[in-house]
């Protein structure tokens, strides 16, 4: 069986979206891109596919909200940016998924920086 056939038969997909795709050239979150991805994911859910979305972007969004021009190096500054940015990131996903009647749940994975995992 080919890789493509295995993907088509999978019942659960893990989707990873990184900061570079989520941010609009340092101007915060790219709302249009997030809306487009959530629409695509909603269509997959309608097909019965379970989704786990792993999303970066909390630090980048936090930097924008805090007005920081360069990425900090210290762990406590990175954690502060992630904490501030996490609110906007989850809110952006939640509002987009609500348009399709989908509920989300968030699981934070503890590492040096938190990566939100959203179960759809």
PDB file of N, CA and C in Angstrom:
ATOM      1  N   UNK A   1       0.850  -1.164   0.000  1.00  0.00           N
ATOM      2  CA  UNK A   1       0.000   0.000   0.000  1.00  0.00           C
ATOM      3  C   UNK A   1       0.909   1.246   0.000  1.00  0.00           C
ATOM      4  N   UNK A   2       0.585   2.205  -0.839  1.00  0.00           N
ATOM      5  CA  UNK A   2       1.389   3.418  -0.941  1.00  0.00           C
ATOM      6  C   UNK A   2       1.130   4.359   0.236  1.00  0.00           C
ATOM      7  N   UNK A   3       2.035   5.302   0.414  1.00  0.00           N
ATOM      8  CA  UNK A   3       1.867   6.297   1.488  1.00  0.00           C
ATOM      9  C   UNK A   3       0.582   7.084   1.300  1.00  0.00           C
ATOM     10  N   UNK A   4       0.287   7.443   0.070  1.00  0.00           N
ATOM     11  CA  UNK A   4      -0.928   8.212  -0.216  1.00  0.00           C
ATOM     12  C   UNK A   4      -2.172   7.408   0.167  1.00  0.00           C
ATOM     13  N   UNK A   5      -2.186   6.122  -0.112  1.00  0.00           N
ATOM     14  CA  UNK A   5      -3.332   5.281   0.231  1.00  0.00           C
ATOM     15  C   UNK A   5      -3.487   5.163   1.744  1.00  0.00           C
ATOM     16  N   UNK A   6      -2.356   5.043   2.458  1.00  0.00           N
ATOM     17  CA  UNK A   6      -2.414   4.959   3.913  1.00  0.00           C
ATOM     18  C   UNK A   6      -2.960   6.256   4.511  1.00  0.00           C
ATOM     19  N   UNK A   7      -2.566   7.399   3.962  1.00  0.00           N
ATOM     20  CA  UNK A   7      -3.071   8.684   4.458  1.00  0.00           C
ATOM     21  C   UNK A   7      -4.567   8.785   4.220  1.00  0.00           C
ATOM     22  N   UNK A   8      -5.011   8.368   3.049  1.00  0.00           N
ATOM     23  CA  UNK A   8      -6.433   8.452   2.721  1.00  0.00           C
ATOM     24  C   UNK A   8      -7.275   7.543   3.610  1.00  0.00           C
ATOM     25  N   UNK A   9      -6.703   6.471   4.111  1.00  0.00           N
ATOM     26  CA  UNK A   9      -7.447   5.547   4.959  1.00  0.00           C
ATOM     27  C   UNK A   9      -7.322   5.867   6.443  1.00  0.00           C
ATOM     28  N   UNK A  10      -6.446   6.787   6.800  1.00  0.00           N
ATOM     29  CA  UNK A  10      -6.235   7.130   8.213  1.00  0.00           C
ATOM     30  C   UNK A  10      -7.489   7.782   8.789  1.00  0.00           C
ATOM     31  N   UNK A  11      -7.801   7.443  10.019  1.00  0.00           N
ATOM     32  CA  UNK A  11      -8.975   7.993  10.692  1.00  0.00           C
ATOM     33  C   UNK A  11      -8.634   9.210  11.535  1.00  0.00           C
ATOM     34  N   UNK A  12      -7.360   9.367  11.867  1.00  0.00           N
ATOM     35  CA  UNK A  12      -6.922  10.501  12.688  1.00  0.00           C
ATOM     36  C   UNK A  12      -5.684  11.114  12.044  1.00  0.00           C
ATOM     37  N   UNK A  13      -5.720  12.424  11.873  1.00  0.00           N
ATOM     38  CA  UNK A  13      -4.595  13.157  11.288  1.00  0.00           C
ATOM     39  C   UNK A  13      -4.034  14.120  12.320  1.00  0.00           C
ATOM     40  N   UNK A  14      -2.729  14.285  12.307  1.00  0.00           N
ATOM     41  CA  UNK A  14      -2.068  15.312  13.104  1.00  0.00           C
ATOM     42  C   UNK A  14      -1.578  16.373  12.128  1.00  0.00           C
ATOM     43  N   UNK A  15      -2.003  17.600  12.357  1.00  0.00           N
ATOM     44  CA  UNK A  15      -1.656  18.713  11.477  1.00  0.00           C
ATOM     45  C   UNK A  15      -0.791  19.687  12.267  1.00  0.00           C
ATOM     46  N   UNK A  16       0.373  20.025  11.739  1.00  0.00           N
ATOM     47  CA  UNK A  16       1.282  20.957  12.410  1.00  0.00           C
ATOM     48  C   UNK A  16       1.387  22.223  11.576  1.00  0.00           C
ATOM     49  N   UNK A  17       1.120  23.362  12.210  1.00  0.00           N
ATOM     50  CA  UNK A  17       1.251  24.656  11.548  1.00  0.00           C
ATOM     51  C   UNK A  17       2.257  25.473  12.345  1.00  0.00           C
ATOM     52  N   UNK A  18       3.331  25.878  11.703  1.00  0.00           N
ATOM     53  CA  UNK A  18       4.404  26.597  12.371  1.00  0.00           C
ATOM     54  C   UNK A  18       4.233  28.105  12.350  1.00  0.00           C
ATOM     55  N   UNK A  19       5.064  28.763  13.129  1.00  0.00           N
ATOM     56  CA  UNK A  19       5.000  30.222  13.274  1.00  0.00           C
ATOM     57  C   UNK A  19       5.155  30.958  11.952  1.00  0.00           C
ATOM     58  N   UNK A  20       6.041  30.480  11.096  1.00  0.00           N
ATOM     59  CA  UNK A  20       6.284  31.172   9.827  1.00  0.00           C
ATOM     60  C   UNK A  20       5.019  31.244   8.976  1.00  0.00           C
ATOM     61  N   UNK A  21       4.189  30.222   9.046  1.00  0.00           N
ATOM     62  CA  UNK A  21       2.937  30.223   8.285  1.00  0.00           C
ATOM     63  C   UNK A  21       1.845  31.031   8.979  1.00  0.00           C
ATOM     64  N   UNK A  22       1.889  31.078  10.291  1.00  0.00           N
ATOM     65  CA  UNK A  22       0.827  31.719  11.073  1.00  0.00           C
ATOM     66  C   UNK A  22       0.920  33.231  11.149  1.00  0.00           C
ATOM     67  N   UNK A  23       2.107  33.761  10.990  1.00  0.00           N
ATOM     68  CA  UNK A  23       2.286  35.195  11.192  1.00  0.00           C
ATOM     69  C   UNK A  23       2.333  35.932   9.864  1.00  0.00           C
ATOM     70  N   UNK A  24       1.837  37.135   9.885  1.00  0.00           N
ATOM     71  CA  UNK A  24       1.780  37.972   8.684  1.00  0.00           C
ATOM     72  C   UNK A  24       2.980  38.920   8.682  1.00  0.00           C
ATOM     73  N   UNK A  25       4.151  38.392   8.330  1.00  0.00           N
ATOM     74  CA  UNK A  25       5.380  39.188   8.253  1.00  0.00           C
ATOM     75  C   UNK A  25       5.616  40.029   9.497  1.00  0.00           C
ATOM     76  N   UNK A  26       5.516  39.400  10.656  1.00  0.00           N
ATOM     77  CA  UNK A  26       5.772  40.098  11.904  1.00  0.00           C
ATOM     78  C   UNK A  26       4.650  41.012  12.357  1.00  0.00           C
ATOM     79  N   UNK A  27       3.518  40.968  11.692  1.00  0.00           N
ATOM     80  CA  UNK A  27       2.386  41.832  12.034  1.00  0.00           C
ATOM     81  C   UNK A  27       1.310  41.078  12.798  1.00  0.00           C
ATOM     82  N   UNK A  28       1.679  40.067  13.530  1.00  0.00           N
ATOM     83  CA  UNK A  28       0.700  39.287  14.285  1.00  0.00           C
ATOM     84  C   UNK A  28       0.195  38.111  13.469  1.00  0.00           C
ATOM     85  N   UNK A  29      -0.886  37.538  13.918  1.00  0.00           N
ATOM     86  CA  UNK A  29      -1.449  36.356  13.278  1.00  0.00           C
ATOM     87  C   UNK A  29      -2.069  36.703  11.931  1.00  0.00           C
ATOM     88  N   UNK A  30      -1.952  35.790  10.986  1.00  0.00           N
ATOM     89  CA  UNK A  30      -2.550  35.952   9.666  1.00  0.00           C
ATOM     90  C   UNK A  30      -3.959  35.361   9.714  1.00  0.00           C
ATOM     91  N   UNK A  31      -4.926  36.204   9.993  1.00  0.00           N
ATOM     92  CA  UNK A  31      -6.307  35.760  10.157  1.00  0.00           C
ATOM     93  C   UNK A  31      -6.883  35.075   8.933  1.00  0.00           C
ATOM     94  N   UNK A  32      -6.532  35.554   7.754  1.00  0.00           N
ATOM     95  CA  UNK A  32      -7.046  34.941   6.521  1.00  0.00           C
ATOM     96  C   UNK A  32      -6.503  33.522   6.351  1.00  0.00           C
ATOM     97  N   UNK A  33      -5.238  33.328   6.660  1.00  0.00           N
ATOM     98  CA  UNK A  33      -4.644  31.989   6.547  1.00  0.00           C
ATOM     99  C   UNK A  33      -5.289  31.042   7.553  1.00  0.00           C
ATOM    100  N   UNK A  34      -5.474  31.508   8.774  1.00  0.00           N
ATOM    101  CA  UNK A  34      -6.096  30.671   9.803  1.00  0.00           C
ATOM    102  C   UNK A  34      -7.521  30.312   9.401  1.00  0.00           C
ATOM    103  N   UNK A  35      -8.255  31.269   8.865  1.00  0.00           N
ATOM    104  CA  UNK A  35      -9.622  30.997   8.410  1.00  0.00           C
ATOM    105  C   UNK A  35      -9.636  29.952   7.296  1.00  0.00           C
ATOM    106  N   UNK A  36      -8.696  30.050   6.379  1.00  0.00           N
ATOM    107  CA  UNK A  36      -8.610  29.092   5.278  1.00  0.00           C
ATOM    108  C   UNK A  36      -8.290  27.686   5.787  1.00  0.00           C
ATOM    109  N   UNK A  37      -7.340  27.583   6.701  1.00  0.00           N
ATOM    110  CA  UNK A  37      -6.981  26.267   7.240  1.00  0.00           C
ATOM    111  C   UNK A  37      -8.112  25.666   8.047  1.00  0.00           C
ATOM    112  N   UNK A  38      -8.799  26.482   8.840  1.00  0.00           N
ATOM    113  CA  UNK A  38      -9.897  25.933   9.635  1.00  0.00           C
ATOM    114  C   UNK A  38     -11.030  25.451   8.734  1.00  0.00           C
ATOM    115  N   UNK A  39     -11.264  26.143   7.637  1.00  0.00           N
ATOM    116  CA  UNK A  39     -12.278  25.680   6.691  1.00  0.00           C
ATOM    117  C   UNK A  39     -11.894  24.316   6.116  1.00  0.00           C
ATOM    118  N   UNK A  40     -10.641  24.162   5.752  1.00  0.00           N
ATOM    119  CA  UNK A  40     -10.173  22.881   5.223  1.00  0.00           C
ATOM    120  C   UNK A  40     -10.285  21.774   6.270  1.00  0.00           C
ATOM    121  N   UNK A  41      -9.930  22.106   7.517  1.00  0.00           N
ATOM    122  CA  UNK A  41     -10.022  21.113   8.584  1.00  0.00           C
ATOM    123  C   UNK A  41     -11.474  20.762   8.882  1.00  0.00           C
ATOM    124  N   UNK A  42     -12.369  21.735   8.800  1.00  0.00           N
ATOM    125  CA  UNK A  42     -13.796  21.468   9.010  1.00  0.00           C
ATOM    126  C   UNK A  42     -14.313  20.482   7.955  1.00  0.00           C
ATOM    127  N   UNK A  43     -13.858  20.627   6.735  1.00  0.00           N
ATOM    128  CA  UNK A  43     -14.263  19.691   5.676  1.00  0.00           C
ATOM    129  C   UNK A  43     -13.748  18.285   5.963  1.00  0.00           C
ATOM    130  N   UNK A  44     -12.540  18.182   6.502  1.00  0.00           N
ATOM    131  CA  UNK A  44     -12.007  16.867   6.871  1.00  0.00           C
ATOM    132  C   UNK A  44     -12.842  16.245   7.993  1.00  0.00           C
ATOM    133  N   UNK A  45     -13.248  17.067   8.972  1.00  0.00           N
ATOM    134  CA  UNK A  45     -14.092  16.564  10.061  1.00  0.00           C
ATOM    135  C   UNK A  45     -15.428  16.056   9.519  1.00  0.00           C
ATOM    136  N   UNK A  46     -15.980  16.763   8.521  1.00  0.00           N
ATOM    137  CA  UNK A  46     -17.245  16.329   7.917  1.00  0.00           C
ATOM    138  C   UNK A  46     -17.088  14.971   7.235  1.00  0.00           C
ATOM    139  N   UNK A  47     -15.863  14.642   6.851  1.00  0.00           N
ATOM    140  CA  UNK A  47     -15.583  13.350   6.231  1.00  0.00           C
ATOM    141  C   UNK A  47     -15.288  12.270   7.273  1.00  0.00           C
ATOM    142  N   UNK A  48     -15.382  12.635   8.555  1.00  0.00           N
ATOM    143  CA  UNK A  48     -15.176  11.670   9.628  1.00  0.00           C
ATOM    144  C   UNK A  48     -13.738  11.534  10.092  1.00  0.00           C
ATOM    145  N   UNK A  49     -12.871  12.401   9.662  1.00  0.00           N
ATOM    146  CA  UNK A  49     -11.470  12.329  10.061  1.00  0.00           C
ATOM    147  C   UNK A  49     -11.281  13.098  11.371  1.00  0.00           C
ATOM    148  N   UNK A  50     -10.690  12.436  12.352  1.00  0.00           N
ATOM    149  CA  UNK A  50     -10.367  13.099  13.613  1.00  0.00           C
ATOM    150  C   UNK A  50      -9.087  13.902  13.405  1.00  0.00           C
ATOM    151  N   UNK A  51      -9.039  15.090  14.002  1.00  0.00           N
ATOM    152  CA  UNK A  51      -7.888  15.961  13.799  1.00  0.00           C
ATOM    153  C   UNK A  51      -7.260  16.365  15.114  1.00  0.00           C
ATOM    154  N   UNK A  52      -5.951  16.412  15.119  1.00  0.00           N
ATOM    155  CA  UNK A  52      -5.192  17.000  16.208  1.00  0.00           C
ATOM    156  C   UNK A  52      -4.325  18.074  15.553  1.00  0.00           C
ATOM    157  N   UNK A  53      -4.533  19.305  15.950  1.00  0.00           N
ATOM    158  CA  UNK A  53      -3.790  20.434  15.400  1.00  0.00           C
ATOM    159  C   UNK A  53      -2.700  20.829  16.376  1.00  0.00           C
ATOM    160  N   UNK A  54      -1.460  20.777  15.920  1.00  0.00           N
ATOM    161  CA  UNK A  54      -0.322  21.228  16.713  1.00  0.00           C
ATOM    162  C   UNK A  54       0.107  22.546  16.107  1.00  0.00           C
ATOM    163  N   UNK A  55       0.048  23.589  16.904  1.00  0.00           N
ATOM    164  CA  UNK A  55       0.269  24.919  16.365  1.00  0.00           C
ATOM    165  C   UNK A  55       1.328  25.684  17.143  1.00  0.00           C
ATOM    166  N   UNK A  56       2.276  26.213  16.427  1.00  0.00           N
ATOM    167  CA  UNK A  56       3.207  27.175  16.998  1.00  0.00           C
ATOM    168  C   UNK A  56       2.551  28.542  16.880  1.00  0.00           C
ATOM    169  N   UNK A  57       3.276  29.573  17.209  1.00  0.00           N
ATOM    170  CA  UNK A  57       2.769  30.914  16.993  1.00  0.00           C
ATOM    171  C   UNK A  57       2.512  31.719  18.239  1.00  0.00           C
ATOM    172  N   UNK A  58       2.502  31.083  19.425  1.00  0.00           N
ATOM    173  CA  UNK A  58       2.203  31.815  20.650  1.00  0.00           C
ATOM    174  C   UNK A  58       3.280  32.856  20.950  1.00  0.00           C
ATOM    175  N   UNK A  59       4.541  32.491  20.781  1.00  0.00           N
ATOM    176  CA  UNK A  59       5.621  33.446  21.058  1.00  0.00           C
ATOM    177  C   UNK A  59       5.558  34.607  20.073  1.00  0.00           C
ATOM    178  N   UNK A  60       5.376  34.296  18.797  1.00  0.00           N
ATOM    179  CA  UNK A  60       5.307  35.352  17.775  1.00  0.00           C
ATOM    180  C   UNK A  60       4.134  36.293  18.031  1.00  0.00           C
ATOM    181  N   UNK A  61       2.985  35.744  18.380  1.00  0.00           N
ATOM    182  CA  UNK A  61       1.814  36.585  18.671  1.00  0.00           C
ATOM    183  C   UNK A  61       2.049  37.405  19.935  1.00  0.00           C
ATOM    184  N   UNK A  62       2.671  36.794  20.936  1.00  0.00           N
ATOM    185  CA  UNK A  62       2.970  37.516  22.166  1.00  0.00           C
ATOM    186  C   UNK A  62       3.937  38.663  21.935  1.00  0.00           C
ATOM    187  N   UNK A  63       4.928  38.443  21.097  1.00  0.00           N
ATOM    188  CA  UNK A  63       5.871  39.514  20.770  1.00  0.00           C
ATOM    189  C   UNK A  63       5.146  40.686  20.124  1.00  0.00           C
ATOM    190  N   UNK A  64       4.218  40.392  19.239  1.00  0.00           N
ATOM    191  CA  UNK A  64       3.442  41.450  18.586  1.00  0.00           C
ATOM    192  C   UNK A  64       2.614  42.206  19.615  1.00  0.00           C
ATOM    193  N   UNK A  65       1.919  41.464  20.485  1.00  0.00           N
ATOM    194  CA  UNK A  65       1.071  42.103  21.500  1.00  0.00           C
ATOM    195  C   UNK A  65       1.884  42.942  22.481  1.00  0.00           C
ATOM    196  N   UNK A  66       3.108  42.498  22.762  1.00  0.00           N
ATOM    197  CA  UNK A  66       3.962  43.212  23.710  1.00  0.00           C
ATOM    198  C   UNK A  66       4.789  44.317  23.050  1.00  0.00           C
ATOM    199  N   UNK A  67       4.758  44.370  21.720  1.00  0.00           N
ATOM    200  CA  UNK A  67       5.508  45.398  21.005  1.00  0.00           C
ATOM    201  C   UNK A  67       6.992  45.114  20.902  1.00  0.00           C
ATOM    202  N   UNK A  68       7.388  43.854  21.067  1.00  0.00           N
ATOM    203  CA  UNK A  68       8.803  43.485  20.980  1.00  0.00           C
ATOM    204  C   UNK A  68       9.198  43.311  19.524  1.00  0.00           C
ATOM    205  N   UNK A  69      10.318  43.883  19.134  1.00  0.00           N
ATOM    206  CA  UNK A  69      10.776  43.826  17.736  1.00  0.00           C
ATOM    207  C   UNK A  69      11.677  42.635  17.456  1.00  0.00           C
ATOM    208  N   UNK A  70      12.366  42.118  18.475  1.00  0.00           N
ATOM    209  CA  UNK A  70      13.252  40.975  18.259  1.00  0.00           C
ATOM    210  C   UNK A  70      12.919  39.871  19.257  1.00  0.00           C
ATOM    211  N   UNK A  71      13.141  38.647  18.826  1.00  0.00           N
ATOM    212  CA  UNK A  71      12.832  37.475  19.649  1.00  0.00           C
ATOM    213  C   UNK A  71      13.768  37.453  20.854  1.00  0.00           C
ATOM    214  N   UNK A  72      13.202  37.314  22.058  1.00  0.00           N
ATOM    215  CA  UNK A  72      14.054  37.260  23.253  1.00  0.00           C
ATOM    216  C   UNK A  72      14.823  35.937  23.326  1.00  0.00           C
ATOM    217  N   UNK A  73      15.869  35.928  24.126  1.00  0.00           N
ATOM    218  CA  UNK A  73      16.687  34.721  24.277  1.00  0.00           C
ATOM    219  C   UNK A  73      16.481  34.041  25.628  1.00  0.00           C
ATOM    220  N   UNK A  74      16.106  34.808  26.632  1.00  0.00           N
ATOM    221  CA  UNK A  74      15.957  34.215  27.965  1.00  0.00           C
ATOM    222  C   UNK A  74      14.655  33.416  28.047  1.00  0.00           C
ATOM    223  N   UNK A  75      14.719  32.341  28.819  1.00  0.00           N
ATOM    224  CA  UNK A  75      13.564  31.457  28.958  1.00  0.00           C
ATOM    225  C   UNK A  75      12.370  32.218  29.537  1.00  0.00           C
ATOM    226  N   UNK A  76      12.592  33.047  30.550  1.00  0.00           N
ATOM    227  CA  UNK A  76      11.439  33.709  31.163  1.00  0.00           C
ATOM    228  C   UNK A  76      10.794  34.730  30.222  1.00  0.00           C
ATOM    229  N   UNK A  77      11.563  35.358  29.348  1.00  0.00           N
ATOM    230  CA  UNK A  77      10.958  36.266  28.366  1.00  0.00           C
ATOM    231  C   UNK A  77      10.198  35.474  27.284  1.00  0.00           C
ATOM    232  N   UNK A  78      10.757  34.346  26.870  1.00  0.00           N
ATOM    233  CA  UNK A  78      10.055  33.492  25.898  1.00  0.00           C
ATOM    234  C   UNK A  78       8.746  32.977  26.496  1.00  0.00           C
ATOM    235  N   UNK A  79       8.789  32.582  27.754  1.00  0.00           N
ATOM    236  CA  UNK A  79       7.574  32.097  28.410  1.00  0.00           C
ATOM    237  C   UNK A  79       6.546  33.209  28.561  1.00  0.00           C
ATOM    238  N   UNK A  80       7.003  34.414  28.851  1.00  0.00           N
ATOM    239  CA  UNK A  80       6.081  35.548  28.966  1.00  0.00           C
ATOM    240  C   UNK A  80       5.410  35.832  27.629  1.00  0.00           C
ATOM    241  N   UNK A  81       6.198  35.842  26.566  1.00  0.00           N
ATOM    242  CA  UNK A  81       5.631  36.082  25.237  1.00  0.00           C
ATOM    243  C   UNK A  81       4.642  34.983  24.869  1.00  0.00           C
ATOM    244  N   UNK A  82       4.994  33.732  25.171  1.00  0.00           N
ATOM    245  CA  UNK A  82       4.097  32.610  24.866  1.00  0.00           C
ATOM    246  C   UNK A  82       2.795  32.721  25.648  1.00  0.00           C
ATOM    247  N   UNK A  83       2.887  33.110  26.914  1.00  0.00           N
ATOM    248  CA  UNK A  83       1.688  33.234  27.751  1.00  0.00           C
ATOM    249  C   UNK A  83       0.760  34.319  27.225  1.00  0.00           C
ATOM    250  N   UNK A  84       1.321  35.447  26.834  1.00  0.00           N
ATOM    251  CA  UNK A  84       0.505  36.547  26.300  1.00  0.00           C
ATOM    252  C   UNK A  84      -0.062  36.167  24.934  1.00  0.00           C
ATOM    253  N   UNK A  85       0.755  35.586  24.091  1.00  0.00           N
ATOM    254  CA  UNK A  85       0.331  35.238  22.738  1.00  0.00           C
ATOM    255  C   UNK A  85      -0.624  34.075  22.668  1.00  0.00           C
ATOM    256  N   UNK A  86      -0.556  33.182  23.649  1.00  0.00           N
ATOM    257  CA  UNK A  86      -1.431  32.005  23.649  1.00  0.00           C
ATOM    258  C   UNK A  86      -2.900  32.396  23.629  1.00  0.00           C
ATOM    259  N   UNK A  87      -3.228  33.452  24.326  1.00  0.00           N
ATOM    260  CA  UNK A  87      -4.621  33.901  24.388  1.00  0.00           C
ATOM    261  C   UNK A  87      -5.142  34.258  22.993  1.00  0.00           C
ATOM    262  N   UNK A  88      -4.362  35.010  22.245  1.00  0.00           N
ATOM    263  CA  UNK A  88      -4.781  35.405  20.903  1.00  0.00           C
ATOM    264  C   UNK A  88      -4.818  34.246  19.941  1.00  0.00           C
ATOM    265  N   UNK A  89      -3.852  33.343  20.075  1.00  0.00           N
ATOM    266  CA  UNK A  89      -3.777  32.190  19.179  1.00  0.00           C
ATOM    267  C   UNK A  89      -4.991  31.279  19.351  1.00  0.00           C
ATOM    268  N   UNK A  90      -5.295  30.937  20.581  1.00  0.00           N
ATOM    269  CA  UNK A  90      -6.449  30.059  20.842  1.00  0.00           C
ATOM    270  C   UNK A  90      -7.748  30.753  20.449  1.00  0.00           C
ATOM    271  N   UNK A  91      -7.855  32.027  20.740  1.00  0.00           N
ATOM    272  CA  UNK A  91      -9.057  32.781  20.383  1.00  0.00           C
ATOM    273  C   UNK A  91      -9.263  32.788  18.864  1.00  0.00           C
ATOM    274  N   UNK A  92      -8.186  32.950  18.110  1.00  0.00           N
ATOM    275  CA  UNK A  92      -8.290  32.962  16.647  1.00  0.00           C
ATOM    276  C   UNK A  92      -8.800  31.623  16.122  1.00  0.00           C
ATOM    277  N   UNK A  93      -8.224  30.534  16.614  1.00  0.00           N
ATOM    278  CA  UNK A  93      -8.677  29.210  16.174  1.00  0.00           C
ATOM    279  C   UNK A  93     -10.120  28.948  16.607  1.00  0.00           C
ATOM    280  N   UNK A  94     -10.412  29.223  17.859  1.00  0.00           N
ATOM    281  CA  UNK A  94     -11.758  28.938  18.385  1.00  0.00           C
ATOM    282  C   UNK A  94     -12.832  29.679  17.605  1.00  0.00           C
ATOM    283  N   UNK A  95     -12.621  30.963  17.328  1.00  0.00           N
ATOM    284  CA  UNK A  95     -13.645  31.729  16.606  1.00  0.00           C
ATOM    285  C   UNK A  95     -13.828  31.213  15.183  1.00  0.00           C
ATOM    286  N   UNK A  96     -12.754  30.765  14.562  1.00  0.00           N
ATOM    287  CA  UNK A  96     -12.879  30.220  13.200  1.00  0.00           C
ATOM    288  C   UNK A  96     -13.586  28.868  13.202  1.00  0.00           C
ATOM    289  N   UNK A  97     -13.246  27.999  14.137  1.00  0.00           N
ATOM    290  CA  UNK A  97     -13.893  26.686  14.184  1.00  0.00           C
ATOM    291  C   UNK A  97     -15.359  26.788  14.583  1.00  0.00           C
ATOM    292  N   UNK A  98     -15.721  27.771  15.393  1.00  0.00           N
ATOM    293  CA  UNK A  98     -17.126  27.945  15.784  1.00  0.00           C
ATOM    294  C   UNK A  98     -18.019  28.202  14.579  1.00  0.00           C
ATOM    295  N   UNK A  99     -17.492  28.839  13.547  1.00  0.00           N
ATOM    296  CA  UNK A  99     -18.276  29.114  12.336  1.00  0.00           C
ATOM    297  C   UNK A  99     -18.753  27.826  11.674  1.00  0.00           C
ATOM    298  N   UNK A 100     -18.065  26.722  11.975  1.00  0.00           N
ATOM    299  CA  UNK A 100     -18.424  25.431  11.396  1.00  0.00           C
ATOM    300  C   UNK A 100     -19.071  24.516  12.431  1.00  0.00           C
ATOM    301  N   UNK A 101     -19.425  25.085  13.577  1.00  0.00           N
ATOM    302  CA  UNK A 101     -20.073  24.303  14.621  1.00  0.00           C
ATOM    303  C   UNK A 101     -19.146  23.315  15.300  1.00  0.00           C
ATOM    304  N   UNK A 102     -17.845  23.561  15.249  1.00  0.00           N
ATOM    305  CA  UNK A 102     -16.872  22.652  15.850  1.00  0.00           C
ATOM    306  C   UNK A 102     -16.362  23.227  17.166  1.00  0.00           C
ATOM    307  N   UNK A 103     -16.236  22.344  18.129  1.00  0.00           N
ATOM    308  CA  UNK A 103     -15.694  22.724  19.431  1.00  0.00           C
ATOM    309  C   UNK A 103     -14.241  22.280  19.491  1.00  0.00           C
ATOM    310  N   UNK A 104     -13.437  23.039  20.180  1.00  0.00           N
ATOM    311  CA  UNK A 104     -12.023  22.699  20.307  1.00  0.00           C
ATOM    312  C   UNK A 104     -11.675  22.506  21.771  1.00  0.00           C
ATOM    313  N   UNK A 105     -10.632  21.769  22.010  1.00  0.00           N
ATOM    314  CA  UNK A 105     -10.073  21.604  23.350  1.00  0.00           C
ATOM    315  C   UNK A 105      -8.568  21.796  23.229  1.00  0.00           C
ATOM    316  N   UNK A 106      -7.976  22.354  24.251  1.00  0.00           N
ATOM    317  CA  UNK A 106      -6.561  22.660  24.210  1.00  0.00           C
ATOM    318  C   UNK A 106      -5.793  21.811  25.208  1.00  0.00           C
ATOM    319  N   UNK A 107      -4.662  21.296  24.774  1.00  0.00           N
ATOM    320  CA  UNK A 107      -3.745  20.556  25.630  1.00  0.00           C
ATOM    321  C   UNK A 107      -2.387  21.212  25.481  1.00  0.00           C
ATOM    322  N   UNK A 108      -1.795  21.654  26.586  1.00  0.00           N
ATOM    323  CA  UNK A 108      -0.478  22.273  26.516  1.00  0.00           C
ATOM    324  C   UNK A 108       0.584  21.228  26.833  1.00  0.00           C
ATOM    325  N   UNK A 109       1.559  21.150  25.949  1.00  0.00           N
ATOM    326  CA  UNK A 109       2.677  20.246  26.156  1.00  0.00           C
ATOM    327  C   UNK A 109       3.814  21.041  26.761  1.00  0.00           C
ATOM    328  N   UNK A 110       4.257  20.670  27.933  1.00  0.00           N
ATOM    329  CA  UNK A 110       5.320  21.421  28.595  1.00  0.00           C
ATOM    330  C   UNK A 110       6.686  21.059  28.047  1.00  0.00           C
ATOM    331  N   UNK A 111       7.349  22.032  27.499  1.00  0.00           N
ATOM    332  CA  UNK A 111       8.733  21.927  27.071  1.00  0.00           C
ATOM    333  C   UNK A 111       9.344  23.259  27.437  1.00  0.00           C
ATOM    334  N   UNK A 112      10.439  23.611  26.794  1.00  0.00           N
ATOM    335  CA  UNK A 112      11.007  24.922  27.062  1.00  0.00           C
ATOM    336  C   UNK A 112      10.002  25.994  26.675  1.00  0.00           C
ATOM    337  N   UNK A 113       9.290  25.764  25.598  1.00  0.00           N
ATOM    338  CA  UNK A 113       8.222  26.660  25.150  1.00  0.00           C
ATOM    339  C   UNK A 113       6.996  25.793  24.928  1.00  0.00           C
ATOM    340  N   UNK A 114       5.837  26.317  25.233  1.00  0.00           N
ATOM    341  CA  UNK A 114       4.615  25.550  25.088  1.00  0.00           C
ATOM    342  C   UNK A 114       4.152  25.525  23.638  1.00  0.00           C
ATOM    343  N   UNK A 115       3.765  24.344  23.176  1.00  0.00           N
ATOM    344  CA  UNK A 115       3.130  24.188  21.874  1.00  0.00           C
ATOM    345  C   UNK A 115       1.690  23.801  22.139  1.00  0.00           C
ATOM    346  N   UNK A 116       0.743  24.611  21.733  1.00  0.00           N
ATOM    347  CA  UNK A 116      -0.643  24.227  21.978  1.00  0.00           C
ATOM    348  C   UNK A 116      -1.077  23.111  21.037  1.00  0.00           C
ATOM    349  N   UNK A 117      -1.781  22.171  21.568  1.00  0.00           N
ATOM    350  CA  UNK A 117      -2.374  21.106  20.781  1.00  0.00           C
ATOM    351  C   UNK A 117      -3.876  21.269  20.898  1.00  0.00           C
ATOM    352  N   UNK A 118      -4.532  21.427  19.782  1.00  0.00           N
ATOM    353  CA  UNK A 118      -5.970  21.651  19.784  1.00  0.00           C
ATOM    354  C   UNK A 118      -6.644  20.425  19.193  1.00  0.00           C
ATOM    355  N   UNK A 119      -7.514  19.802  19.951  1.00  0.00           N
ATOM    356  CA  UNK A 119      -8.240  18.636  19.491  1.00  0.00           C
ATOM    357  C   UNK A 119      -9.562  19.104  18.923  1.00  0.00           C
ATOM    358  N   UNK A 120      -9.826  18.725  17.687  1.00  0.00           N
ATOM    359  CA  UNK A 120     -11.016  19.185  16.991  1.00  0.00           C
ATOM    360  C   UNK A 120     -11.940  18.006  16.787  1.00  0.00           C
TER     361      UNK A 120
END
